[in-house]
Amino acid sequence: MSFFHDFKHLTPAQRHTFLASFLGWTLDSLDFFLLIFCVKAISADFHTRPSAVLAAVFWTQALRPFGALLFGLLADRYGRRPILIFNILSFSVIEFACAFAPSLPVLLALRALFGVAMGGEWGVGAALTFETLPQKGRGAFSGILQEGYALGSILASAAFGLLFHWIGWRGLFLAGASPALLVLYIQTRVQESPVWLARAATPKAPSSNRLIPAHILKFLPRFLFLIVLMTAFMSFSHGTQDVYPTFLSVQMHLTPQTVGLIGVLYGFGSIAGGFVFGVLSEKWGRKRAIIVAALLALPVIPLWAYGHSAITLAAGAVLMQFMVQGAWGVVPAYLTELSPAPVRATAPGLAYQLGGLITSWNGVLQARLAEWSGNYPAVLAGTVLLVAVTLAILASLGHEAKGTEMSS
């Protein structure tokens, strides 16, 4: 239970920072996954196919790098805390507007704007967190922080299963505007990153404007590698999540309540995986933890994609997301450790979201292949087989950076 021991010994300011970043990512994820679970209902409302609605996922992912760059640059210049507040308000307002979309094109445009806002939250929150927390236990904190994404999917699953029958997809989007309330907590309890404050207070040498580009240029090869690595990571998560509820609804003919329950269960599996492999990454190193989690997803494919009952599919989904988010649990710490301080709010988030851009057509492509072939299981299984092996290979080629000092 080293995580709880380490968390207990954090200062109040560090705890508030970690909790605020965790909840920010959780509520961002909630707003993203509400659409995922409502694809069938939205397609029926707008008289179109599920693959057309899943284009919203494409636009969200495609615009996320712009958000990562915009909000990251602002956070590197003006501070992590105020930009995180602005970021959360932005995606909350856009989610609220989605409830009133009169047509699919308007909804797609709003989800593109949502992508800009969503793209900024992860990098800014991760920089604020890991520049505030101590070095000890960073892997465990990383595993929990990343699984705010899984908790968001749990909340979306529960909301879909419990409330969809009563309020429909538009009502769910109205409820998705709730993250705006988090701003009050951040405003009153969260402090600015001490690393950013120290850097902002340091007088700049006359030649600093020439030194920074050289510093970034030196980081460029590693940054390009991170983009490729995050492309594999994004394919691993979105390839197992974005179409899965549609598969359960359309091909397996499960009810919204059952689909929602399965979503809740595999969400808890995700959180457990992120925590377990985050802790293991403190002992094994970041690379080894990623590789093991990715390869252990392979034996789960038959249960996850070819189960013949809700029980077997749920068991497969829990195990699959345990491995997927186990690998992902290492990512926040790994990317921030690999990034230099002057661009720490920009580089990790931008690499993260550029990986999402490259794989942004994943959900639409999977849905179209499944509609064309009538075989969702084969499409899902093939996706995991390809991306899990690719991710393991790429991780083996990367640089180990466990324990990097953030202030250096």
Protein backbone atom coordinates (compact mmCIF):
# COMPACT_ATOMS: atom_id res chain seq x y z
CA MET A 1 0.00 0.00 0.00
CA SER A 2 2.90 2.38 -0.72
CA PHE A 3 0.62 4.74 -2.66
CA PHE A 4 -1.57 5.41 0.38
CA HIS A 5 1.53 5.85 2.53
CA ASP A 6 2.99 8.34 0.05
CA PHE A 7 -0.34 10.16 -0.33
CA LYS A 8 -0.68 10.45 3.45
CA HIS A 9 2.69 12.20 3.64
CA LEU A 10 1.87 14.80 0.98
CA THR A 11 1.37 18.38 2.11
CA PRO A 12 -2.22 19.73 1.93
CA ALA A 13 -1.25 21.82 -1.12
CA GLN A 14 0.13 18.75 -2.91
CA ARG A 15 -3.01 16.74 -2.17
CA HIS A 16 -5.28 19.48 -3.50
CA THR A 17 -3.19 19.73 -6.67
CA PHE A 18 -3.29 15.99 -7.30
CA LEU A 19 -7.03 15.78 -6.62
CA ALA A 20 -7.82 18.76 -8.86
CA SER A 21 -5.83 17.34 -11.79
CA PHE A 22 -7.37 13.90 -11.28
CA LEU A 23 -10.91 15.30 -11.22
CA GLY A 24 -10.22 17.55 -14.22
CA TRP A 25 -9.17 14.56 -16.32
CA THR A 26 -12.08 12.50 -14.93
CA LEU A 27 -14.71 15.05 -15.91
CA ASP A 28 -13.07 15.67 -19.29
CA SER A 29 -13.29 11.92 -19.91
CA LEU A 30 -16.92 11.85 -18.74
CA ASP A 31 -17.86 14.41 -21.37
CA PHE A 32 -15.98 12.47 -24.06
CA PHE A 33 -17.54 9.09 -23.24
CA LEU A 34 -21.11 10.36 -22.98
CA LEU A 35 -21.10 10.61 -26.77
CA ILE A 36 -19.54 7.15 -27.15
CA PHE A 37 -22.41 5.54 -25.26
CA CYS A 38 -25.07 7.56 -27.08
CA VAL A 39 -23.95 6.79 -30.66
CA LYS A 40 -26.90 4.51 -31.42
CA ALA A 41 -29.44 6.99 -30.01
CA ILE A 42 -27.91 9.99 -31.79
CA SER A 43 -27.82 8.12 -35.11
CA ALA A 44 -31.51 7.25 -34.71
CA ASP A 45 -32.40 10.85 -33.83
CA PHE A 46 -30.57 12.26 -36.84
CA HIS A 47 -31.57 9.35 -39.15
CA THR A 48 -28.06 8.26 -40.03
CA ARG A 49 -25.64 5.36 -39.44
CA PRO A 50 -23.54 4.90 -36.29
CA SER A 51 -20.36 5.39 -38.33
CA ALA A 52 -21.54 8.89 -39.30
CA VAL A 53 -22.00 9.82 -35.64
CA LEU A 54 -18.60 8.37 -34.78
CA ALA A 55 -17.14 11.05 -37.04
CA ALA A 56 -17.62 13.22 -33.96
CA VAL A 57 -14.89 11.18 -32.27
CA PHE A 58 -12.65 11.85 -35.26
CA TRP A 59 -13.17 15.60 -35.04
CA THR A 60 -12.61 15.59 -31.28
CA GLN A 61 -9.32 13.72 -31.64
CA ALA A 62 -8.24 15.68 -34.71
CA LEU A 63 -8.54 19.02 -32.90
CA ARG A 64 -7.00 17.90 -29.61
CA PRO A 65 -3.39 18.67 -30.72
CA PHE A 66 -4.38 22.29 -31.36
CA GLY A 67 -5.74 22.47 -27.83
CA ALA A 68 -2.60 20.87 -26.41
CA LEU A 69 -0.42 23.41 -28.23
CA LEU A 70 -2.61 26.42 -27.40
CA PHE A 71 -3.23 25.70 -23.73
CA GLY A 72 0.27 24.28 -23.24
CA LEU A 73 1.97 27.41 -24.55
CA LEU A 74 -0.30 29.57 -22.42
CA ALA A 75 0.47 27.44 -19.34
CA ASP A 76 4.21 27.55 -19.95
CA ARG A 77 4.01 31.34 -20.15
CA TYR A 78 1.26 32.37 -17.71
CA GLY A 79 1.20 29.48 -15.24
CA ARG A 80 -0.44 26.06 -14.95
CA ARG A 81 -3.25 26.96 -12.56
CA PRO A 82 -5.08 29.83 -14.36
CA ILE A 83 -4.93 28.04 -17.71
CA LEU A 84 -6.29 24.82 -16.18
CA ILE A 85 -9.26 26.81 -14.85
CA PHE A 86 -9.92 28.38 -18.26
CA ASN A 87 -9.54 25.00 -19.92
CA ILE A 88 -12.12 23.28 -17.71
CA LEU A 89 -14.63 26.09 -18.18
CA SER A 90 -14.17 25.82 -21.94
CA PHE A 91 -14.99 22.14 -22.32
CA SER A 92 -17.89 22.41 -19.84
CA VAL A 93 -19.59 25.19 -21.83
CA ILE A 94 -19.12 23.33 -25.11
CA GLU A 95 -20.55 20.11 -23.64
CA PHE A 96 -23.61 22.08 -22.51
CA ALA A 97 -24.06 23.47 -26.04
CA CYS A 98 -23.97 19.94 -27.52
CA ALA A 99 -27.31 19.20 -25.83
CA PHE A 100 -28.99 21.75 -28.12
CA ALA A 101 -27.42 20.66 -31.43
CA PRO A 102 -30.23 20.79 -34.05
CA SER A 103 -28.44 18.58 -36.57
CA LEU A 104 -25.50 16.21 -36.96
CA PRO A 105 -23.26 18.80 -38.72
CA VAL A 106 -23.74 21.21 -35.80
CA LEU A 107 -22.97 18.45 -33.32
CA LEU A 108 -19.81 17.55 -35.25
CA ALA A 109 -18.69 21.19 -35.20
CA LEU A 110 -19.27 21.41 -31.44
CA ARG A 111 -17.36 18.18 -30.84
CA ALA A 112 -14.46 19.61 -32.85
CA LEU A 113 -14.41 22.63 -30.50
CA PHE A 114 -14.68 20.23 -27.58
CA GLY A 115 -11.55 18.53 -28.92
CA VAL A 116 -9.61 21.80 -28.66
CA ALA A 117 -10.63 22.18 -25.02
CA MET A 118 -10.09 18.49 -24.20
CA GLY A 119 -6.65 18.57 -25.80
CA GLY A 120 -5.33 21.11 -23.33
CA GLU A 121 -6.40 19.55 -20.04
CA TRP A 122 -4.10 16.52 -19.90
CA GLY A 123 -0.79 18.27 -20.51
CA VAL A 124 -1.48 21.25 -18.25
CA GLY A 125 -2.81 19.05 -15.44
CA ALA A 126 0.10 16.60 -15.69
CA ALA A 127 2.67 19.40 -15.60
CA LEU A 128 1.01 21.01 -12.57
CA THR A 129 0.83 17.65 -10.79
CA PHE A 130 4.33 16.29 -11.31
CA GLU A 131 6.00 19.65 -10.76
CA THR A 132 4.22 19.81 -7.38
CA LEU A 133 4.46 16.21 -6.12
CA PRO A 134 7.65 14.67 -4.71
CA GLN A 135 9.74 12.30 -6.81
CA LYS A 136 9.01 9.32 -4.53
CA GLY A 137 5.98 7.30 -5.63
CA ARG A 138 5.67 9.14 -8.93
CA GLY A 139 4.76 5.95 -10.80
CA ALA A 140 1.85 5.16 -8.48
CA PHE A 141 0.59 8.74 -8.68
CA SER A 142 0.86 8.52 -12.47
CA GLY A 143 -1.20 5.33 -12.54
CA ILE A 144 -3.98 6.87 -10.47
CA LEU A 145 -3.93 10.20 -12.32
CA GLN A 146 -4.28 8.58 -15.74
CA GLU A 147 -7.19 6.48 -14.51
CA GLY A 148 -9.21 9.62 -14.02
CA TYR A 149 -9.93 8.80 -17.66
CA ALA A 150 -11.31 5.41 -16.62
CA LEU A 151 -13.35 6.92 -13.81
CA GLY A 152 -14.85 9.31 -16.34
CA SER A 153 -15.88 6.33 -18.47
CA ILE A 154 -17.44 4.71 -15.38
CA LEU A 155 -19.47 7.83 -14.66
CA ALA A 156 -20.56 8.02 -18.30
CA SER A 157 -21.49 4.31 -18.25
CA ALA A 158 -23.49 4.71 -15.05
CA ALA A 159 -25.23 7.83 -16.29
CA PHE A 160 -26.13 6.08 -19.54
CA GLY A 161 -27.43 2.97 -17.80
CA LEU A 162 -29.40 4.82 -15.11
CA LEU A 163 -30.54 8.05 -16.75
CA PHE A 164 -30.72 7.55 -20.52
CA HIS A 165 -34.22 6.05 -20.36
CA TRP A 166 -35.46 9.17 -18.55
CA ILE A 167 -33.56 12.11 -20.04
CA GLY A 168 -32.18 10.86 -23.37
CA TRP A 169 -28.86 11.78 -24.92
CA ARG A 170 -29.52 15.52 -24.77
CA GLY A 171 -30.17 15.38 -21.05
CA LEU A 172 -26.94 13.48 -20.54
CA PHE A 173 -25.00 16.24 -22.31
CA LEU A 174 -26.63 18.82 -20.02
CA ALA A 175 -25.43 16.83 -17.03
CA GLY A 176 -21.99 16.72 -18.66
CA ALA A 177 -21.58 20.46 -18.06
CA SER A 178 -21.01 19.77 -14.34
CA PRO A 179 -17.17 20.00 -14.53
CA ALA A 180 -17.54 23.78 -14.39
CA LEU A 181 -18.10 23.38 -10.64
CA LEU A 182 -14.52 22.06 -10.27
CA VAL A 183 -13.24 25.54 -11.06
CA LEU A 184 -14.40 26.76 -7.64
CA TYR A 185 -12.27 24.10 -5.95
CA ILE A 186 -9.19 24.93 -8.02
CA GLN A 187 -9.64 28.65 -7.43
CA THR A 188 -9.81 28.29 -3.65
CA ARG A 189 -7.52 25.32 -2.86
CA VAL A 190 -4.93 24.72 -5.59
CA GLN A 191 -1.60 26.55 -5.73
CA GLU A 192 0.61 27.28 -8.70
CA SER A 193 3.42 24.86 -9.62
CA PRO A 194 6.51 25.65 -7.53
CA VAL A 195 8.75 24.70 -10.47
CA TRP A 196 6.98 27.19 -12.74
CA LEU A 197 7.08 29.91 -10.06
CA ALA A 198 10.82 29.40 -9.55
CA ARG A 199 11.49 29.54 -13.28
CA ALA A 200 9.28 32.63 -13.70
CA ALA A 201 11.17 34.40 -10.90
CA THR A 202 14.58 33.69 -12.43
CA PRO A 203 15.96 36.68 -14.39
CA LYS A 204 16.52 35.78 -18.01
CA ALA A 205 20.00 36.24 -19.43
CA PRO A 206 20.26 38.47 -22.54
CA SER A 207 21.11 35.43 -24.65
CA SER A 208 18.20 33.31 -23.37
CA ASN A 209 16.15 33.82 -26.54
CA ARG A 210 18.91 32.12 -28.48
CA LEU A 211 19.36 29.30 -25.98
CA ILE A 212 15.73 28.15 -25.86
CA PRO A 213 15.42 27.21 -29.56
CA ALA A 214 18.64 25.21 -29.30
CA HIS A 215 17.28 23.48 -26.22
CA ILE A 216 14.06 22.55 -28.01
CA LEU A 217 15.95 21.45 -31.11
CA LYS A 218 17.98 19.05 -28.96
CA PHE A 219 14.72 17.61 -27.62
CA LEU A 220 13.16 17.24 -31.10
CA PRO A 221 14.25 13.62 -31.86
CA ARG A 222 12.81 12.42 -28.56
CA PHE A 223 9.66 14.46 -29.14
CA LEU A 224 9.14 12.78 -32.53
CA PHE A 225 9.57 9.38 -30.88
CA LEU A 226 6.97 10.32 -28.27
CA ILE A 227 4.49 11.15 -31.03
CA VAL A 228 4.97 7.71 -32.59
CA LEU A 229 4.71 6.05 -29.18
CA MET A 230 1.53 7.94 -28.34
CA THR A 231 0.05 6.96 -31.71
CA ALA A 232 0.38 3.34 -30.63
CA PHE A 233 -1.02 4.13 -27.18
CA MET A 234 -4.02 5.94 -28.67
CA SER A 235 -4.72 3.05 -31.01
CA PHE A 236 -4.56 0.69 -28.04
CA SER A 237 -7.12 2.60 -25.96
CA HIS A 238 -9.48 3.97 -28.60
CA GLY A 239 -9.28 0.73 -30.57
CA THR A 240 -10.67 -1.16 -27.57
CA GLN A 241 -13.12 1.48 -26.29
CA ASP A 242 -14.73 3.66 -28.94
CA VAL A 243 -16.65 1.00 -30.88
CA TYR A 244 -17.10 -1.52 -28.07
CA PRO A 245 -20.39 -0.11 -26.68
CA THR A 246 -21.76 0.03 -30.25
CA PHE A 247 -20.69 -3.61 -30.76
CA LEU A 248 -22.52 -4.60 -27.57
CA SER A 249 -25.65 -2.69 -28.63
CA VAL A 250 -25.80 -3.36 -32.37
CA GLN A 251 -24.37 -6.88 -32.82
CA MET A 252 -24.93 -8.42 -29.40
CA HIS A 253 -28.32 -6.67 -28.92
CA LEU A 254 -27.70 -5.88 -25.25
CA THR A 255 -29.93 -3.34 -23.50
CA PRO A 256 -28.67 0.14 -22.52
CA GLN A 257 -28.74 -0.97 -18.87
CA THR A 258 -26.53 -4.00 -19.60
CA VAL A 259 -24.16 -1.99 -21.80
CA GLY A 260 -23.90 0.63 -19.07
CA LEU A 261 -23.20 -2.00 -16.43
CA ILE A 262 -20.46 -3.60 -18.53
CA GLY A 263 -18.97 -0.13 -19.03
CA VAL A 264 -18.91 0.43 -15.28
CA LEU A 265 -17.25 -2.92 -14.69
CA TYR A 266 -14.50 -2.47 -17.24
CA GLY A 267 -13.99 1.07 -15.95
CA PHE A 268 -13.10 -0.35 -12.55
CA GLY A 269 -10.84 -2.85 -14.30
CA SER A 270 -9.11 0.10 -15.96
CA ILE A 271 -8.50 1.86 -12.66
CA ALA A 272 -7.09 -1.31 -11.10
CA GLY A 273 -4.78 -1.84 -14.08
CA GLY A 274 -3.49 1.72 -14.02
CA PHE A 275 -2.74 1.52 -10.31
CA VAL A 276 -1.09 -1.92 -10.44
CA PHE A 277 1.20 -1.18 -13.38
CA GLY A 278 1.91 2.35 -12.14
CA VAL A 279 3.23 0.85 -8.91
CA LEU A 280 5.12 -1.85 -10.81
CA SER A 281 6.76 0.82 -12.96
CA GLU A 282 8.46 2.12 -9.79
CA LYS A 283 10.14 -1.29 -9.41
CA TRP A 284 10.48 -2.44 -13.02
CA GLY A 285 10.95 0.90 -14.79
CA ARG A 286 8.44 2.60 -17.12
CA LYS A 287 9.39 0.65 -20.26
CA ARG A 288 9.06 -2.84 -18.82
CA ALA A 289 5.69 -2.07 -17.24
CA ILE A 290 4.31 -0.85 -20.60
CA ILE A 291 5.62 -3.88 -22.49
CA VAL A 292 4.22 -6.44 -20.05
CA ALA A 293 0.77 -4.82 -19.96
CA ALA A 294 0.56 -4.56 -23.76
CA LEU A 295 1.50 -8.20 -24.37
CA LEU A 296 -0.84 -9.53 -21.67
CA ALA A 297 -3.77 -8.06 -23.62
CA LEU A 298 -3.28 -10.65 -26.38
CA PRO A 299 -4.56 -13.74 -24.50
CA VAL A 300 -7.70 -11.81 -23.50
CA ILE A 301 -8.86 -11.26 -27.12
CA PRO A 302 -11.05 -14.42 -27.44
CA LEU A 303 -13.04 -13.67 -24.29
CA TRP A 304 -13.33 -9.94 -25.04
CA ALA A 305 -14.31 -10.08 -28.72
CA TYR A 306 -15.89 -13.52 -29.12
CA GLY A 307 -17.77 -14.03 -25.85
CA HIS A 308 -21.29 -15.36 -26.40
CA SER A 309 -22.99 -13.91 -23.32
CA ALA A 310 -23.06 -10.67 -21.38
CA ILE A 311 -21.15 -12.35 -18.55
CA THR A 312 -18.26 -13.58 -20.70
CA LEU A 313 -18.08 -10.29 -22.61
CA ALA A 314 -18.02 -8.36 -19.34
CA ALA A 315 -15.22 -10.55 -17.99
CA GLY A 316 -13.24 -10.08 -21.20
CA ALA A 317 -13.82 -6.33 -21.16
CA VAL A 318 -12.62 -6.02 -17.55
CA LEU A 319 -9.43 -7.97 -18.28
CA MET A 320 -8.79 -6.12 -21.54
CA GLN A 321 -9.09 -2.68 -19.97
CA PHE A 322 -6.98 -3.80 -17.00
CA MET A 323 -4.13 -4.37 -19.47
CA VAL A 324 -4.85 -1.40 -21.73
CA GLN A 325 -5.03 1.10 -18.90
CA GLY A 326 -2.22 -0.72 -17.11
CA ALA A 327 0.04 0.36 -19.95
CA TRP A 328 -1.54 3.80 -19.97
CA GLY A 329 -1.06 4.28 -16.24
CA VAL A 330 2.66 4.79 -16.83
CA VAL A 331 2.17 7.52 -19.44
CA PRO A 332 1.73 10.73 -17.36
CA ALA A 333 4.92 10.16 -15.38
CA TYR A 334 6.86 8.81 -18.38
CA LEU A 335 6.09 11.74 -20.69
CA THR A 336 6.71 14.42 -18.07
CA GLU A 337 10.00 12.75 -17.05
CA LEU A 338 11.13 12.76 -20.68
CA SER A 339 10.29 16.45 -21.26
CA PRO A 340 12.48 19.44 -20.28
CA ALA A 341 11.03 21.99 -17.85
CA PRO A 342 10.64 24.97 -20.26
CA VAL A 343 8.18 23.01 -22.44
CA ARG A 344 6.77 20.56 -19.89
CA ALA A 345 3.18 21.83 -20.17
CA THR A 346 3.38 21.84 -23.97
CA ALA A 347 5.50 18.90 -25.16
CA PRO A 348 3.89 15.94 -23.32
CA GLY A 349 0.35 17.11 -24.04
CA LEU A 350 1.16 17.89 -27.66
CA ALA A 351 2.80 14.50 -28.25
CA TYR A 352 -0.16 12.87 -26.50
CA GLN A 353 -2.72 14.65 -28.68
CA LEU A 354 -0.79 14.34 -31.95
CA GLY A 355 -0.92 10.60 -31.39
CA GLY A 356 -4.67 11.02 -31.11
CA LEU A 357 -4.76 13.01 -34.34
CA ILE A 358 -2.94 10.31 -36.27
CA THR A 359 -5.39 7.68 -35.03
CA SER A 360 -8.47 9.93 -35.14
CA TRP A 361 -10.21 7.91 -37.86
CA ASN A 362 -9.83 4.71 -35.87
CA GLY A 363 -13.41 4.60 -34.55
CA VAL A 364 -14.98 5.49 -37.89
CA LEU A 365 -12.79 2.96 -39.72
CA GLN A 366 -13.61 0.19 -37.25
CA ALA A 367 -17.34 0.95 -37.50
CA ARG A 368 -17.32 1.02 -41.30
CA LEU A 369 -15.36 -2.23 -41.52
CA ALA A 370 -17.79 -3.84 -39.08
CA GLU A 371 -20.83 -2.52 -41.02
CA TRP A 372 -19.34 -3.74 -44.29
CA SER A 373 -18.37 -7.19 -43.03
CA GLY A 374 -21.06 -7.62 -40.40
CA ASN A 375 -18.30 -8.90 -38.12
CA TYR A 376 -17.46 -6.63 -35.20
CA PRO A 377 -15.44 -9.34 -33.34
CA ALA A 378 -12.95 -9.80 -36.18
CA VAL A 379 -12.41 -6.05 -36.49
CA LEU A 380 -11.90 -5.63 -32.74
CA ALA A 381 -9.60 -8.65 -32.44
CA GLY A 382 -7.45 -7.59 -35.39
CA THR A 383 -7.05 -4.10 -33.95
CA VAL A 384 -5.77 -5.34 -30.59
CA LEU A 385 -3.42 -7.90 -32.12
CA LEU A 386 -1.77 -5.25 -34.30
CA VAL A 387 -1.49 -2.37 -31.84
CA ALA A 388 -0.51 -4.36 -28.74
CA VAL A 389 2.51 -5.91 -30.49
CA THR A 390 3.45 -2.55 -32.07
CA LEU A 391 3.26 -0.77 -28.71
CA ALA A 392 5.46 -3.36 -27.02
CA ILE A 393 8.10 -3.03 -29.75
CA LEU A 394 8.11 0.78 -29.62
CA ALA A 395 8.33 0.84 -25.84
CA SER A 396 11.35 -1.44 -25.96
CA LEU A 397 13.12 1.12 -28.18
CA GLY A 398 12.46 4.05 -25.86
CA HIS A 399 14.60 5.73 -23.21
CA GLU A 400 14.11 4.90 -19.54
CA ALA A 401 13.68 8.04 -17.42
CA LYS A 402 12.30 6.85 -14.08
CA GLY A 403 13.12 9.23 -11.26
CA THR A 404 14.04 12.29 -13.34
CA GLU A 405 14.32 15.45 -11.22
CA MET A 406 11.57 17.85 -12.37
CA SER A 407 13.35 21.06 -11.37
CA SER A 408 16.46 20.30 -13.41
